Amino acid sequence: MRSRTVRQGSVGLLIITGVALFVGVAMWLSGLAFGKRSYTFTAVFSDVNRLSMGAPVFYRGVNIGKVTKIQPGANGIDVSVKISSSDTRIPDGVIIEANQTGLISETLLSIRPQPPTSLPSNGAATNPLSPECNSDLIICADERVSGEMGVSVVRLLRKSTRATELLSDPQFFNNLEELVQNASTASVQIAQASEQLQEEIEPLSETAKSLNNTAAQVSSAATQVGQLATNVDRLVNRNQGELDQTLNHLSATSEQLSELLASLEPTVEQVNSTLSAADTQQLVQNLETLTANAAQVSTDLRKISNTFSQPSNRLVLQQTLDSARVTFQNTQKITSELEELTGDPAFRSNLRELVEGLSDLVSSTQKLEEYVQARDSSSVSSLEVSPFPSPPENLAVSDYKHATLKASRWSK
């Protein structure tokens, strides 16, 4: 009786153990784990690149899940991706690719993140199973995202076939041969150009040396010019007082010259009465030029005396000295002309005789008018016309004729 009970218990324990083992194997095969919750999202592909159900899913090189369902459609292929743990948070904007790897070209899903973004470690917004999951931050459960085909052996074969067809094209070989010939010709021309360039470099080297020597000479000349400018500044500063004194003397001389010109105006008016019209006009023009030059020189000298301490006014000083030189020459010329006119003894004698003759003529004319009036009052008919009117009784005939002859001679 006891042995039968033991046998029945052993059979029951064996059955329970077998069932538990079967359930554990089934759960292991289905990927279920106690204490862990998984979630699923859908990736839409235009070409899954021979992806099959149960293919592993890698995120940053780590296996985080597998493909549970592949559903082809008219607008694409829906691939259900199951993530083993809800603690695995996948940022939004990742690249999901179906890549073929290995010797047998096994296809798997690879999730590559874009530039890393920081995500909060906790919170309902970053929990893919939470109703408050934020799809702008992570991929939530049951969300649809886009995927693309990655590395493909078929695509590689197609490109290899295209490359083979291109290499087998005779036109390609002709072009390649022509390219090689052109490259050979270009290499020869480059070699010749390099030789010519080598020949040209030697004169350029000599020219560069000459330029260096010239630059050194220019630098030395610039140094000497700087020293010369320094010496000139020192000389000007040292002789500043003498230059001011000289300018003051020149200014005083100019004022004296203006006074002299003003004093010569009466003399010029007297001389104008004895000169011809052409000489008078020329003399007046010379005097006006002399006066204008003297005024200009006086103004320039006054400005230079006030501003000579500035280096920029040295050129003005040179121009003023030139104007003064021209003015002095004009003054000398006019003075010499006046001396020629007034220093001639015959001119002075004739001028004196002219003045005396004009005085005698005026007095004689007055007396003659008195005489004519007296004759007219007595008898107009008895008046006789003669080349020289009869002088009055108290007028000497010789004096009257002498004054008339002098006046006629000077009028000519």
Protein backbone atom coordinates (compact mmCIF):
# COMPACT_ATOMS: atom_id res chain seq x y z
CA MET A 1 0.00 0.00 0.00
CA ARG A 2 2.84 2.33 0.91
CA SER A 3 4.86 1.48 -2.19
CA ARG A 4 1.87 2.24 -4.39
CA THR A 5 1.53 5.71 -2.87
CA VAL A 6 5.20 6.38 -3.48
CA ARG A 7 4.90 5.28 -7.07
CA GLN A 8 1.87 7.51 -7.66
CA GLY A 9 3.62 10.51 -6.07
CA SER A 10 6.69 9.98 -8.19
CA VAL A 11 4.56 9.92 -11.32
CA GLY A 12 2.81 13.13 -10.30
CA LEU A 13 6.06 14.89 -9.55
CA LEU A 14 7.42 13.75 -12.91
CA ILE A 15 4.38 15.14 -14.70
CA ILE A 16 4.61 18.48 -12.86
CA THR A 17 8.32 18.73 -13.60
CA GLY A 18 7.75 18.02 -17.29
CA VAL A 19 5.01 20.63 -17.54
CA ALA A 20 7.17 23.24 -15.77
CA LEU A 21 10.08 22.42 -18.02
CA PHE A 22 7.89 22.72 -21.11
CA VAL A 23 6.50 26.10 -19.99
CA GLY A 24 10.00 27.39 -19.22
CA VAL A 25 11.30 26.34 -22.61
CA ALA A 26 8.29 27.93 -24.29
CA MET A 27 8.79 31.15 -22.41
CA TRP A 28 12.47 31.16 -23.22
CA LEU A 29 11.76 30.62 -26.87
CA SER A 30 9.17 33.41 -26.90
CA GLY A 31 11.55 35.76 -25.12
CA LEU A 32 9.43 36.29 -22.04
CA ALA A 33 11.19 37.19 -18.81
CA PHE A 34 9.81 37.65 -15.32
CA GLY A 35 9.95 41.15 -13.97
CA LYS A 36 10.56 42.72 -17.42
CA ARG A 37 8.01 44.31 -19.73
CA SER A 38 8.58 44.62 -23.48
CA TYR A 39 7.04 47.00 -26.03
CA THR A 40 6.55 46.97 -29.76
CA PHE A 41 6.65 49.61 -32.52
CA THR A 42 6.26 49.39 -36.29
CA ALA A 43 8.90 50.38 -38.84
CA VAL A 44 7.75 51.03 -42.42
CA PHE A 45 10.17 50.01 -45.22
CA SER A 46 10.03 50.30 -48.99
CA ASP A 47 12.35 47.25 -49.24
CA VAL A 48 13.23 45.02 -46.26
CA ASN A 49 16.31 43.56 -48.01
CA ARG A 50 15.27 39.91 -47.42
CA LEU A 51 14.49 40.49 -43.75
CA SER A 52 12.79 37.56 -42.01
CA MET A 53 10.82 37.09 -38.82
CA GLY A 54 12.93 36.59 -35.72
CA ALA A 55 15.81 38.67 -37.09
CA PRO A 56 17.73 40.40 -34.31
CA VAL A 57 17.50 44.14 -33.66
CA PHE A 58 20.68 46.01 -32.73
CA TYR A 59 20.93 49.42 -31.10
CA ARG A 60 24.44 50.86 -30.82
CA GLY A 61 25.76 47.36 -31.50
CA VAL A 62 23.71 45.73 -28.71
CA ASN A 63 20.93 43.17 -29.33
CA ILE A 64 17.81 44.74 -27.80
CA GLY A 65 14.99 42.78 -29.50
CA LYS A 66 13.81 41.00 -32.59
CA VAL A 67 11.43 41.20 -35.53
CA THR A 68 8.07 39.67 -34.65
CA LYS A 69 5.99 40.34 -37.77
CA ILE A 70 6.43 41.35 -41.39
CA GLN A 71 3.36 42.62 -43.21
CA PRO A 72 3.77 43.59 -46.92
CA GLY A 73 1.45 46.31 -48.21
CA ALA A 74 0.73 48.38 -51.31
CA ASN A 75 2.58 51.44 -50.00
CA GLY A 76 5.37 49.66 -48.11
CA ILE A 77 6.22 46.86 -45.72
CA ASP A 78 5.28 47.07 -42.01
CA VAL A 79 7.84 45.42 -39.76
CA SER A 80 6.88 44.91 -36.11
CA VAL A 81 9.89 45.37 -33.84
CA LYS A 82 9.76 44.05 -30.31
CA ILE A 83 12.08 45.62 -27.73
CA SER A 84 12.82 43.20 -24.90
CA SER A 85 12.89 45.73 -22.05
CA SER A 86 10.90 48.89 -21.51
CA ASP A 87 13.99 50.37 -19.88
CA THR A 88 15.56 50.63 -23.36
CA ARG A 89 14.61 54.09 -24.57
CA ILE A 90 15.25 54.85 -28.23
CA PRO A 91 15.48 58.59 -29.05
CA ASP A 92 13.27 59.97 -31.78
CA GLY A 93 14.88 60.61 -35.18
CA VAL A 94 17.07 57.52 -35.29
CA ILE A 95 17.94 55.76 -38.57
CA ILE A 96 16.52 52.23 -38.86
CA GLU A 97 18.24 50.16 -41.56
CA ALA A 98 17.90 46.60 -42.87
CA ASN A 99 21.52 45.52 -43.37
CA GLN A 100 22.96 42.26 -44.67
CA THR A 101 26.05 41.03 -42.82
CA GLY A 102 28.12 37.89 -42.46
CA LEU A 103 29.20 35.22 -44.89
CA ILE A 104 25.66 34.07 -45.49
CA SER A 105 24.33 37.65 -45.87
CA GLU A 106 22.02 37.45 -42.86
CA THR A 107 19.68 40.40 -42.70
CA LEU A 108 19.18 42.26 -39.41
CA LEU A 109 17.79 45.57 -38.21
CA SER A 110 20.27 48.21 -37.12
CA ILE A 111 19.18 51.32 -35.22
CA ARG A 112 21.69 54.18 -35.52
CA PRO A 113 21.11 57.32 -33.46
CA GLN A 114 21.74 60.77 -34.83
CA PRO A 115 23.99 63.16 -32.89
CA PRO A 116 23.41 62.16 -29.28
CA THR A 117 20.73 63.93 -27.32
CA SER A 118 20.35 63.92 -23.57
CA LEU A 119 17.16 62.31 -22.25
CA PRO A 120 15.77 62.41 -18.73
CA SER A 121 16.48 59.13 -16.97
CA ASN A 122 13.06 58.96 -15.31
CA GLY A 123 9.60 60.28 -15.93
CA ALA A 124 6.40 59.33 -17.68
CA ALA A 125 7.39 61.33 -20.81
CA THR A 126 10.31 58.97 -21.42
CA ASN A 127 8.52 55.72 -20.54
CA PRO A 128 7.54 53.98 -23.82
CA LEU A 129 4.66 52.10 -22.10
CA SER A 130 3.22 55.19 -20.37
CA PRO A 131 0.14 56.87 -21.81
CA GLU A 132 1.99 60.18 -21.31
CA CYS A 133 4.92 59.11 -23.46
CA ASN A 134 6.30 62.00 -25.55
CA SER A 135 6.91 60.81 -29.12
CA ASP A 136 9.04 63.90 -29.80
CA LEU A 137 11.61 62.55 -27.34
CA ILE A 138 11.58 58.76 -27.74
CA ILE A 139 9.90 56.02 -29.77
CA CYS A 140 6.79 55.05 -27.85
CA ALA A 141 4.93 51.74 -27.89
CA ASP A 142 2.79 51.07 -30.97
CA GLU A 143 4.36 54.06 -32.80
CA ARG A 144 5.01 53.99 -36.52
CA VAL A 145 8.42 55.14 -37.77
CA SER A 146 10.14 55.01 -41.17
CA GLY A 147 13.01 52.69 -42.07
CA GLU A 148 15.31 52.29 -45.05
CA MET A 149 17.38 49.62 -46.75
CA GLY A 150 21.03 49.63 -45.73
CA VAL A 151 23.89 47.44 -46.92
CA SER A 152 22.63 45.02 -49.57
CA VAL A 153 24.50 42.28 -51.38
CA VAL A 154 22.00 42.50 -54.23
CA ARG A 155 22.69 46.20 -54.64
CA LEU A 156 26.42 45.49 -54.55
CA LEU A 157 26.02 42.86 -57.26
CA ARG A 158 24.03 45.24 -59.41
CA LYS A 159 26.71 47.91 -59.15
CA SER A 160 29.40 45.32 -59.86
CA THR A 161 27.51 44.21 -62.95
CA ARG A 162 27.20 47.80 -64.12
CA ALA A 163 30.91 48.34 -63.55
CA THR A 164 31.69 45.16 -65.51
CA GLU A 165 29.53 46.30 -68.41
CA LEU A 166 31.26 49.65 -68.37
CA LEU A 167 34.71 48.05 -68.39
CA SER A 168 33.71 45.75 -71.26
CA ASP A 169 32.58 48.73 -73.37
CA PRO A 170 35.10 49.41 -76.23
CA GLN A 171 34.36 53.11 -76.11
CA PHE A 172 35.44 53.16 -72.48
CA PHE A 173 38.76 51.54 -73.36
CA ASN A 174 39.26 54.02 -76.19
CA ASN A 175 38.60 56.87 -73.84
CA LEU A 176 40.92 55.32 -71.27
CA GLU A 177 43.69 54.90 -73.84
CA GLU A 178 43.25 58.49 -75.00
CA LEU A 179 43.37 59.60 -71.39
CA VAL A 180 46.63 57.72 -70.86
CA GLN A 181 48.14 59.28 -73.99
CA ASN A 182 47.06 62.74 -72.91
CA ALA A 183 48.51 62.09 -69.47
CA SER A 184 51.80 61.01 -71.05
CA THR A 185 51.90 64.09 -73.26
CA ALA A 186 51.02 66.28 -70.30
CA SER A 187 53.80 64.70 -68.23
CA VAL A 188 56.32 65.47 -71.01
CA GLN A 189 55.08 69.05 -71.27
CA ILE A 190 55.22 69.39 -67.51
CA ALA A 191 58.82 68.15 -67.54
CA GLN A 192 59.71 70.69 -70.22
CA ALA A 193 57.91 73.42 -68.36
CA SER A 194 59.77 72.49 -65.19
CA GLU A 195 63.09 72.76 -67.05
CA GLN A 196 62.12 76.13 -68.49
CA LEU A 197 60.98 77.22 -65.08
CA GLN A 198 64.32 76.11 -63.66
CA GLU A 199 66.07 78.19 -66.31
CA GLU A 200 63.88 81.19 -65.49
CA ILE A 201 64.41 80.83 -61.78
CA GLU A 202 68.12 81.66 -62.01
CA PRO A 203 67.55 85.17 -63.51
CA LEU A 204 64.75 85.65 -61.04
CA SER A 205 67.15 84.78 -58.25
CA GLU A 206 69.60 87.37 -59.53
CA THR A 207 66.76 89.87 -59.86
CA ALA A 208 65.69 89.10 -56.32
CA LYS A 209 69.23 89.72 -55.13
CA SER A 210 69.29 93.01 -57.03
CA LEU A 211 65.96 93.95 -55.51
CA ASN A 212 67.31 93.14 -52.08
CA ASN A 213 70.33 95.35 -52.72
CA THR A 214 68.09 98.10 -54.07
CA ALA A 215 65.84 97.78 -51.04
CA ALA A 216 68.88 98.09 -48.81
CA GLN A 217 70.01 101.20 -50.71
CA VAL A 218 66.51 102.68 -50.54
CA SER A 219 66.43 102.01 -46.83
CA SER A 220 69.81 103.71 -46.44
CA ALA A 221 68.63 106.66 -48.54
CA ALA A 222 65.47 106.91 -46.43
CA THR A 223 67.64 106.99 -43.33
CA GLN A 224 69.78 109.74 -44.81
CA VAL A 225 66.67 111.70 -45.82
CA GLY A 226 65.38 111.36 -42.28
CA GLN A 227 68.67 112.64 -40.94
CA LEU A 228 68.60 115.51 -43.45
CA ALA A 229 65.07 116.45 -42.36
CA THR A 230 66.21 116.37 -38.75
CA ASN A 231 69.16 118.61 -39.56
CA VAL A 232 66.92 121.03 -41.47
CA ASP A 233 64.53 121.21 -38.54
CA ARG A 234 67.42 121.87 -36.20
CA LEU A 235 68.78 124.56 -38.54
CA VAL A 236 65.39 126.24 -38.81
CA ASN A 237 64.85 126.12 -35.08
CA ARG A 238 68.36 127.43 -34.45
CA ASN A 239 68.01 130.34 -36.95
CA GLN A 240 64.40 131.12 -36.11
CA GLY A 241 65.28 134.47 -34.60
CA GLU A 242 67.42 135.56 -37.53
CA LEU A 243 64.72 134.52 -40.02
CA ASP A 244 62.09 136.49 -38.09
CA GLN A 245 64.37 139.51 -38.03
CA THR A 246 64.99 139.22 -41.79
CA LEU A 247 61.27 138.96 -42.45
CA ASN A 248 60.63 142.03 -40.31
CA HIS A 249 63.25 143.95 -42.34
CA LEU A 250 61.61 142.80 -45.55
CA SER A 251 58.22 143.92 -44.27
CA ALA A 252 59.61 147.31 -43.28
CA THR A 253 61.26 147.66 -46.70
CA SER A 254 57.96 146.84 -48.37
CA GLU A 255 56.18 149.52 -46.35
CA GLN A 256 58.86 152.04 -47.22
CA LEU A 257 58.52 151.09 -50.86
CA SER A 258 54.76 151.68 -50.66
CA GLU A 259 55.38 155.12 -49.13
CA LEU A 260 57.90 155.87 -51.88
CA LEU A 261 55.38 154.91 -54.54
CA ALA A 262 52.79 157.13 -52.90
CA SER A 263 55.24 160.05 -52.89
CA LEU A 264 56.06 159.43 -56.57
CA GLU A 265 52.44 159.87 -57.66
CA PRO A 266 52.62 163.73 -57.96
CA THR A 267 55.85 163.44 -59.93
CA VAL A 268 54.26 160.88 -62.19
CA GLU A 269 51.32 163.19 -62.79
CA GLN A 270 53.70 165.96 -63.79
CA VAL A 271 55.65 163.67 -66.07
CA ASN A 272 52.36 162.47 -67.64
CA SER A 273 51.70 166.01 -68.83
CA THR A 274 54.96 165.97 -70.82
CA LEU A 275 54.95 162.41 -72.17
CA SER A 276 53.08 161.01 -75.12
CA ALA A 277 49.93 158.94 -74.68
CA ALA A 278 51.66 155.58 -75.31
CA ASP A 279 54.50 156.31 -72.83
CA THR A 280 52.02 157.55 -70.24
CA GLN A 281 49.88 154.43 -70.52
CA GLN A 282 52.94 152.14 -70.28
CA LEU A 283 54.26 154.01 -67.27
CA VAL A 284 50.87 153.91 -65.54
CA GLN A 285 50.64 150.16 -66.15
CA ASN A 286 54.12 149.68 -64.72
CA LEU A 287 53.24 151.75 -61.69
CA GLU A 288 49.99 149.79 -61.16
CA THR A 289 51.91 146.52 -61.47
CA LEU A 290 54.51 147.78 -59.05
CA THR A 291 51.84 148.88 -56.57
CA ALA A 292 49.97 145.57 -56.83
CA ASN A 293 53.20 143.60 -56.44
CA ALA A 294 54.23 145.69 -53.48
CA ALA A 295 50.85 145.18 -51.79
CA GLN A 296 51.00 141.47 -52.51
CA VAL A 297 54.54 141.25 -51.18
CA SER A 298 53.56 143.17 -48.06
CA THR A 299 50.62 140.82 -47.46
CA ASP A 300 52.70 137.71 -48.11
CA LEU A 301 55.48 138.93 -45.83
CA ARG A 302 53.01 139.66 -43.04
CA LYS A 303 51.45 136.17 -43.38
CA ILE A 304 54.83 134.47 -43.54
CA SER A 305 56.06 136.39 -40.49
CA ASN A 306 53.11 135.07 -38.51
CA THR A 307 53.17 131.48 -39.75
CA PHE A 308 56.82 130.77 -40.61
CA SER A 309 57.21 128.58 -37.50
CA GLN A 310 55.13 125.92 -39.27
CA PRO A 311 57.08 123.58 -41.62
CA SER A 312 54.31 123.70 -44.22
CA ASN A 313 54.93 127.44 -44.85
CA ARG A 314 58.48 127.09 -46.21
CA LEU A 315 57.16 126.86 -49.73
CA VAL A 316 55.14 130.05 -49.18
CA LEU A 317 58.34 131.81 -48.06
CA GLN A 318 60.09 130.79 -51.30
CA GLN A 319 57.18 132.11 -53.38
CA THR A 320 57.16 135.39 -51.44
CA LEU A 321 60.89 135.86 -51.96
CA ASP A 322 60.38 135.33 -55.70
CA SER A 323 57.58 137.95 -55.72
CA ALA A 324 59.80 140.37 -53.83
CA ARG A 325 62.61 139.82 -56.31
CA VAL A 326 60.26 140.58 -59.24
CA THR A 327 58.94 143.68 -57.45
CA PHE A 328 62.44 144.99 -56.82
CA GLN A 329 63.30 144.47 -60.48
CA ASN A 330 60.18 146.41 -61.57
CA THR A 331 61.01 149.17 -59.10
CA GLN A 332 64.55 149.40 -60.41
CA LYS A 333 63.24 149.54 -63.97
CA ILE A 334 60.76 152.36 -63.18
CA THR A 335 63.37 154.26 -61.17
CA SER A 336 65.84 154.05 -64.04
CA GLU A 337 63.15 155.35 -66.44
CA LEU A 338 62.37 158.24 -64.11
CA GLU A 339 66.08 159.00 -63.80
CA GLU A 340 66.41 158.97 -67.58
CA LEU A 341 63.54 161.44 -67.85
CA THR A 342 64.32 163.76 -64.95
CA GLY A 343 68.11 163.45 -65.05
CA ASP A 344 68.48 164.76 -68.62
CA PRO A 345 69.58 168.45 -68.45
CA ALA A 346 68.11 169.25 -71.86
CA PHE A 347 64.75 167.80 -70.74
CA ARG A 348 64.77 169.94 -67.62
CA SER A 349 65.75 173.05 -69.61
CA ASN A 350 63.06 172.48 -72.20
CA LEU A 351 60.51 171.81 -69.45
CA ARG A 352 61.47 175.06 -67.73
CA GLU A 353 61.27 177.01 -71.01
CA LEU A 354 57.90 175.43 -71.75
CA VAL A 355 56.53 176.49 -68.38
CA GLU A 356 57.87 180.03 -68.83
CA GLY A 357 56.58 180.24 -72.39
CA LEU A 358 53.14 179.01 -71.35
CA SER A 359 53.07 181.57 -68.54
CA ASP A 360 54.03 184.36 -70.94
CA LEU A 361 51.49 183.12 -73.46
CA VAL A 362 48.70 183.12 -70.89
CA SER A 363 49.52 186.64 -69.75
CA SER A 364 49.84 187.85 -73.34
CA THR A 365 46.54 186.24 -74.25
CA GLN A 366 44.82 188.03 -71.41
CA LYS A 367 46.24 191.34 -72.52
CA LEU A 368 45.32 190.62 -76.12
CA GLU A 369 41.74 189.90 -75.13
CA GLU A 370 41.62 193.22 -73.34
CA TYR A 371 43.00 194.96 -76.40
CA VAL A 372 40.50 193.27 -78.74
CA GLN A 373 37.63 194.22 -76.49
CA ALA A 374 38.82 197.81 -76.53
CA ARG A 375 39.07 197.85 -80.33
CA ASP A 376 35.65 196.24 -80.74
CA SER A 377 34.05 198.83 -78.62
CA SER A 378 35.56 201.64 -80.76
CA SER A 379 35.29 200.25 -84.26
CA VAL A 380 34.64 196.74 -85.40
CA SER A 381 35.11 197.52 -89.06
CA SER A 382 38.64 198.87 -88.57
CA LEU A 383 39.91 195.54 -87.19
CA GLU A 384 42.41 193.81 -89.53
CA VAL A 385 43.15 190.12 -89.40
CA SER A 386 46.82 189.12 -89.30
CA PRO A 387 48.75 185.85 -88.56
CA PHE A 388 49.87 187.26 -85.24
CA PRO A 389 47.49 189.64 -83.56
CA SER A 390 48.86 193.05 -82.77
CA PRO A 391 50.05 193.17 -79.25
CA PRO A 392 48.80 195.66 -76.78
CA GLU A 393 50.76 198.75 -76.08
CA ASN A 394 52.16 197.55 -72.81
CA LEU A 395 53.21 194.10 -74.28
CA ALA A 396 56.55 193.61 -75.96
CA VAL A 397 56.27 192.08 -79.40
CA SER A 398 59.38 190.02 -79.02
CA ASP A 399 58.12 188.47 -75.80
CA TYR A 400 54.79 187.68 -77.37
CA LYS A 401 56.34 185.99 -80.41
CA HIS A 402 58.85 184.16 -78.30
CA ALA A 403 56.12 182.67 -76.07
CA THR A 404 54.00 181.78 -79.12
CA LEU A 405 56.86 179.98 -80.80
CA LYS A 406 57.65 177.97 -77.67
CA ALA A 407 54.04 176.93 -77.26
CA SER A 408 53.78 175.84 -80.90
CA ARG A 409 57.03 173.89 -80.67
CA TRP A 410 55.94 171.98 -77.56
CA SER A 411 52.51 171.37 -79.01
CA LYS A 412 54.20 169.51 -81.86
